[in-house]
Amino acid sequence: MTKLAIAVAILALTIAPTAPQQGECNIKGNVSTRGEKIYHMPGQRHYDDTRI
């Protein structure tokens, strides 16, 4: 394997989405008091705090 192929494989494993656990969504969202729609993805700062 070339160094590029190895780097691509590592990157793909690093950013590959994980399957949602039962009852959970991969992307969570809420609406601010100003009506702004805010979405959170796994690994982002407020993802674990967001409830659906």
PDB file of N, CA and C in Angstrom:
ATOM      1  N   MET A   1       0.834  -1.192   0.000  1.00  0.00           N
ATOM      2  CA  MET A   1       0.000   0.000   0.000  1.00  0.00           C
ATOM      3  C   MET A   1       0.870   1.244   0.000  1.00  0.00           C
ATOM      4  N   THR A   2       0.388   2.227  -0.693  1.00  0.00           N
ATOM      5  CA  THR A   2       1.122   3.484  -0.681  1.00  0.00           C
ATOM      6  C   THR A   2       0.767   4.278   0.571  1.00  0.00           C
ATOM      7  N   LYS A   3       1.572   5.244   0.856  1.00  0.00           N
ATOM      8  CA  LYS A   3       1.301   6.090   2.027  1.00  0.00           C
ATOM      9  C   LYS A   3      -0.043   6.797   1.886  1.00  0.00           C
ATOM     10  N   LEU A   4      -0.387   7.202   0.664  1.00  0.00           N
ATOM     11  CA  LEU A   4      -1.666   7.872   0.445  1.00  0.00           C
ATOM     12  C   LEU A   4      -2.829   6.931   0.726  1.00  0.00           C
ATOM     13  N   ALA A   5      -2.738   5.694   0.275  1.00  0.00           N
ATOM     14  CA  ALA A   5      -3.813   4.725   0.507  1.00  0.00           C
ATOM     15  C   ALA A   5      -3.978   4.451   2.001  1.00  0.00           C
ATOM     16  N   ILE A   6      -2.880   4.371   2.714  1.00  0.00           N
ATOM     17  CA  ILE A   6      -2.938   4.149   4.160  1.00  0.00           C
ATOM     18  C   ILE A   6      -3.589   5.351   4.842  1.00  0.00           C
ATOM     19  N   ALA A   7      -3.202   6.556   4.432  1.00  0.00           N
ATOM     20  CA  ALA A   7      -3.778   7.762   5.022  1.00  0.00           C
ATOM     21  C   ALA A   7      -5.278   7.841   4.750  1.00  0.00           C
ATOM     22  N   VAL A   8      -5.696   7.484   3.538  1.00  0.00           N
ATOM     23  CA  VAL A   8      -7.120   7.506   3.196  1.00  0.00           C
ATOM     24  C   VAL A   8      -7.878   6.483   4.027  1.00  0.00           C
ATOM     25  N   ALA A   9      -7.312   5.297   4.209  1.00  0.00           N
ATOM     26  CA  ALA A   9      -7.964   4.259   5.009  1.00  0.00           C
ATOM     27  C   ALA A   9      -8.120   4.706   6.462  1.00  0.00           C
ATOM     28  N   ILE A  10      -7.093   5.303   7.020  1.00  0.00           N
ATOM     29  CA  ILE A  10      -7.162   5.792   8.402  1.00  0.00           C
ATOM     30  C   ILE A  10      -8.201   6.901   8.520  1.00  0.00           C
ATOM     31  N   LEU A  11      -8.211   7.819   7.569  1.00  0.00           N
ATOM     32  CA  LEU A  11      -9.184   8.909   7.588  1.00  0.00           C
ATOM     33  C   LEU A  11     -10.605   8.371   7.475  1.00  0.00           C
ATOM     34  N   ALA A  12     -10.816   7.397   6.609  1.00  0.00           N
ATOM     35  CA  ALA A  12     -12.154   6.816   6.442  1.00  0.00           C
ATOM     36  C   ALA A  12     -12.632   6.172   7.735  1.00  0.00           C
ATOM     37  N   LEU A  13     -11.756   5.489   8.432  1.00  0.00           N
ATOM     38  CA  LEU A  13     -12.137   4.868   9.700  1.00  0.00           C
ATOM     39  C   LEU A  13     -12.394   5.913  10.779  1.00  0.00           C
ATOM     40  N   THR A  14     -11.661   7.007  10.712  1.00  0.00           N
ATOM     41  CA  THR A  14     -11.794   8.060  11.712  1.00  0.00           C
ATOM     42  C   THR A  14     -13.114   8.809  11.579  1.00  0.00           C
ATOM     43  N   ILE A  15     -13.549   9.078  10.351  1.00  0.00           N
ATOM     44  CA  ILE A  15     -14.760   9.876  10.154  1.00  0.00           C
ATOM     45  C   ILE A  15     -15.978   9.044   9.798  1.00  0.00           C
ATOM     46  N   ALA A  16     -15.833   7.723   9.783  1.00  0.00           N
ATOM     47  CA  ALA A  16     -16.973   6.866   9.449  1.00  0.00           C
ATOM     48  C   ALA A  16     -18.076   7.051  10.482  1.00  0.00           C
ATOM     49  N   PRO A  17     -19.317   7.243  10.016  1.00  0.00           N
ATOM     50  CA  PRO A  17     -20.412   7.414  10.972  1.00  0.00           C
ATOM     51  C   PRO A  17     -20.659   6.141  11.762  1.00  0.00           C
ATOM     52  N   THR A  18     -21.042   6.316  12.987  1.00  0.00           N
ATOM     53  CA  THR A  18     -21.384   5.162  13.806  1.00  0.00           C
ATOM     54  C   THR A  18     -22.881   4.949  13.740  1.00  0.00           C
ATOM     55  N   ALA A  19     -23.295   3.728  13.844  1.00  0.00           N
ATOM     56  CA  ALA A  19     -24.725   3.421  13.820  1.00  0.00           C
ATOM     57  C   ALA A  19     -25.372   3.956  15.086  1.00  0.00           C
ATOM     58  N   PRO A  20     -26.549   4.543  14.958  1.00  0.00           N
ATOM     59  CA  PRO A  20     -27.210   5.055  16.157  1.00  0.00           C
ATOM     60  C   PRO A  20     -27.624   3.923  17.079  1.00  0.00           C
ATOM     61  N   GLN A  21     -27.539   4.177  18.364  1.00  0.00           N
ATOM     62  CA  GLN A  21     -28.015   3.201  19.327  1.00  0.00           C
ATOM     63  C   GLN A  21     -29.530   3.218  19.283  1.00  0.00           C
ATOM     64  N   GLN A  22     -30.125   2.148  19.720  1.00  0.00           N
ATOM     65  CA  GLN A  22     -31.575   2.059  19.666  1.00  0.00           C
ATOM     66  C   GLN A  22     -32.204   3.239  20.401  1.00  0.00           C
ATOM     67  N   GLY A  23     -33.126   3.922  19.730  1.00  0.00           N
ATOM     68  CA  GLY A  23     -33.808   5.052  20.336  1.00  0.00           C
ATOM     69  C   GLY A  23     -33.077   6.372  20.203  1.00  0.00           C
ATOM     70  N   GLU A  24     -31.913   6.380  19.573  1.00  0.00           N
ATOM     71  CA  GLU A  24     -31.159   7.614  19.416  1.00  0.00           C
ATOM     72  C   GLU A  24     -30.986   7.946  17.941  1.00  0.00           C
ATOM     73  N   CYS A  25     -30.815   9.220  17.644  1.00  0.00           N
ATOM     74  CA  CYS A  25     -30.568   9.682  16.282  1.00  0.00           C
ATOM     75  C   CYS A  25     -29.090  10.020  16.135  1.00  0.00           C
ATOM     76  N   ASN A  26     -28.589   9.944  14.909  1.00  0.00           N
ATOM     77  CA  ASN A  26     -27.218  10.383  14.669  1.00  0.00           C
ATOM     78  C   ASN A  26     -27.109  11.893  14.737  1.00  0.00           C
ATOM     79  N   ILE A  27     -28.087  12.586  14.164  1.00  0.00           N
ATOM     80  CA  ILE A  27     -28.078  14.041  14.170  1.00  0.00           C
ATOM     81  C   ILE A  27     -29.219  14.519  15.059  1.00  0.00           C
ATOM     82  N   LYS A  28     -28.866  15.372  16.000  1.00  0.00           N
ATOM     83  CA  LYS A  28     -29.869  15.932  16.902  1.00  0.00           C
ATOM     84  C   LYS A  28     -29.996  17.418  16.596  1.00  0.00           C
ATOM     85  N   GLY A  29     -31.137  17.978  16.893  1.00  0.00           N
ATOM     86  CA  GLY A  29     -31.319  19.390  16.612  1.00  0.00           C
ATOM     87  C   GLY A  29     -32.255  20.040  17.603  1.00  0.00           C
ATOM     88  N   ASN A  30     -32.182  21.353  17.636  1.00  0.00           N
ATOM     89  CA  ASN A  30     -33.111  22.120  18.445  1.00  0.00           C
ATOM     90  C   ASN A  30     -33.306  23.476  17.786  1.00  0.00           C
ATOM     91  N   VAL A  31     -34.208  24.261  18.319  1.00  0.00           N
ATOM     92  CA  VAL A  31     -34.508  25.579  17.775  1.00  0.00           C
ATOM     93  C   VAL A  31     -34.220  26.604  18.863  1.00  0.00           C
ATOM     94  N   SER A  32     -33.446  27.616  18.505  1.00  0.00           N
ATOM     95  CA  SER A  32     -33.102  28.657  19.477  1.00  0.00           C
ATOM     96  C   SER A  32     -34.312  29.545  19.740  1.00  0.00           C
ATOM     97  N   THR A  33     -34.189  30.406  20.728  1.00  0.00           N
ATOM     98  CA  THR A  33     -35.282  31.327  21.052  1.00  0.00           C
ATOM     99  C   THR A  33     -35.549  32.308  19.911  1.00  0.00           C
ATOM    100  N   ARG A  34     -34.570  32.501  19.026  1.00  0.00           N
ATOM    101  CA  ARG A  34     -34.741  33.374  17.855  1.00  0.00           C
ATOM    102  C   ARG A  34     -35.285  32.618  16.645  1.00  0.00           C
ATOM    103  N   GLY A  35     -35.540  31.306  16.818  1.00  0.00           N
ATOM    104  CA  GLY A  35     -36.070  30.502  15.719  1.00  0.00           C
ATOM    105  C   GLY A  35     -35.004  29.870  14.841  1.00  0.00           C
ATOM    106  N   GLU A  36     -33.739  30.025  15.224  1.00  0.00           N
ATOM    107  CA  GLU A  36     -32.639  29.448  14.458  1.00  0.00           C
ATOM    108  C   GLU A  36     -32.590  27.944  14.705  1.00  0.00           C
ATOM    109  N   LYS A  37     -32.533  27.163  13.619  1.00  0.00           N
ATOM    110  CA  LYS A  37     -32.436  25.707  13.741  1.00  0.00           C
ATOM    111  C   LYS A  37     -30.964  25.335  13.896  1.00  0.00           C
ATOM    112  N   ILE A  38     -30.655  24.600  14.955  1.00  0.00           N
ATOM    113  CA  ILE A  38     -29.283  24.226  15.279  1.00  0.00           C
ATOM    114  C   ILE A  38     -29.189  22.706  15.284  1.00  0.00           C
ATOM    115  N   TYR A  39     -28.226  22.175  14.548  1.00  0.00           N
ATOM    116  CA  TYR A  39     -28.050  20.729  14.451  1.00  0.00           C
ATOM    117  C   TYR A  39     -26.712  20.334  15.063  1.00  0.00           C
ATOM    118  N   HIS A  40     -26.705  19.189  15.727  1.00  0.00           N
ATOM    119  CA  HIS A  40     -25.498  18.689  16.382  1.00  0.00           C
ATOM    120  C   HIS A  40     -25.238  17.268  15.900  1.00  0.00           C
ATOM    121  N   MET A  41     -23.994  16.996  15.537  1.00  0.00           N
ATOM    122  CA  MET A  41     -23.601  15.663  15.091  1.00  0.00           C
ATOM    123  C   MET A  41     -22.731  15.011  16.155  1.00  0.00           C
ATOM    124  N   PRO A  42     -22.676  13.670  16.154  1.00  0.00           N
ATOM    125  CA  PRO A  42     -21.850  12.977  17.146  1.00  0.00           C
ATOM    126  C   PRO A  42     -20.430  13.543  17.165  1.00  0.00           C
ATOM    127  N   GLY A  43     -19.929  13.760  18.362  1.00  0.00           N
ATOM    128  CA  GLY A  43     -18.582  14.287  18.525  1.00  0.00           C
ATOM    129  C   GLY A  43     -18.530  15.800  18.667  1.00  0.00           C
ATOM    130  N   GLN A  44     -19.617  16.486  18.327  1.00  0.00           N
ATOM    131  CA  GLN A  44     -19.620  17.935  18.479  1.00  0.00           C
ATOM    132  C   GLN A  44     -19.862  18.320  19.935  1.00  0.00           C
ATOM    133  N   ARG A  45     -19.532  19.547  20.247  1.00  0.00           N
ATOM    134  CA  ARG A  45     -19.518  20.050  21.619  1.00  0.00           C
ATOM    135  C   ARG A  45     -20.820  19.811  22.393  1.00  0.00           C
ATOM    136  N   HIS A  46     -21.972  20.114  21.829  1.00  0.00           N
ATOM    137  CA  HIS A  46     -23.231  20.042  22.574  1.00  0.00           C
ATOM    138  C   HIS A  46     -24.076  18.823  22.216  1.00  0.00           C
ATOM    139  N   TYR A  47     -23.496  17.873  21.487  1.00  0.00           N
ATOM    140  CA  TYR A  47     -24.269  16.710  21.036  1.00  0.00           C
ATOM    141  C   TYR A  47     -24.869  15.936  22.211  1.00  0.00           C
ATOM    142  N   ASP A  48     -24.064  15.621  23.204  1.00  0.00           N
ATOM    143  CA  ASP A  48     -24.549  14.815  24.330  1.00  0.00           C
ATOM    144  C   ASP A  48     -25.562  15.571  25.197  1.00  0.00           C
ATOM    145  N   ASP A  49     -25.509  16.902  25.178  1.00  0.00           N
ATOM    146  CA  ASP A  49     -26.447  17.701  25.970  1.00  0.00           C
ATOM    147  C   ASP A  49     -27.809  17.851  25.293  1.00  0.00           C
ATOM    148  N   THR A  50     -27.858  17.639  23.969  1.00  0.00           N
ATOM    149  CA  THR A  50     -29.090  17.847  23.211  1.00  0.00           C
ATOM    150  C   THR A  50     -30.013  16.656  23.366  1.00  0.00           C
ATOM    151  N   ARG A  51     -31.258  16.934  23.726  1.00  0.00           N
ATOM    152  CA  ARG A  51     -32.272  15.887  23.895  1.00  0.00           C
ATOM    153  C   ARG A  51     -33.292  16.015  22.783  1.00  0.00           C
ATOM    154  N   ILE A  52     -33.762  14.872  22.308  1.00  0.00           N
ATOM    155  CA  ILE A  52     -34.782  14.898  21.256  1.00  0.00           C
ATOM    156  C   ILE A  52     -36.101  14.401  21.788  1.00  0.00           C
TER     157      ILE A  52
END
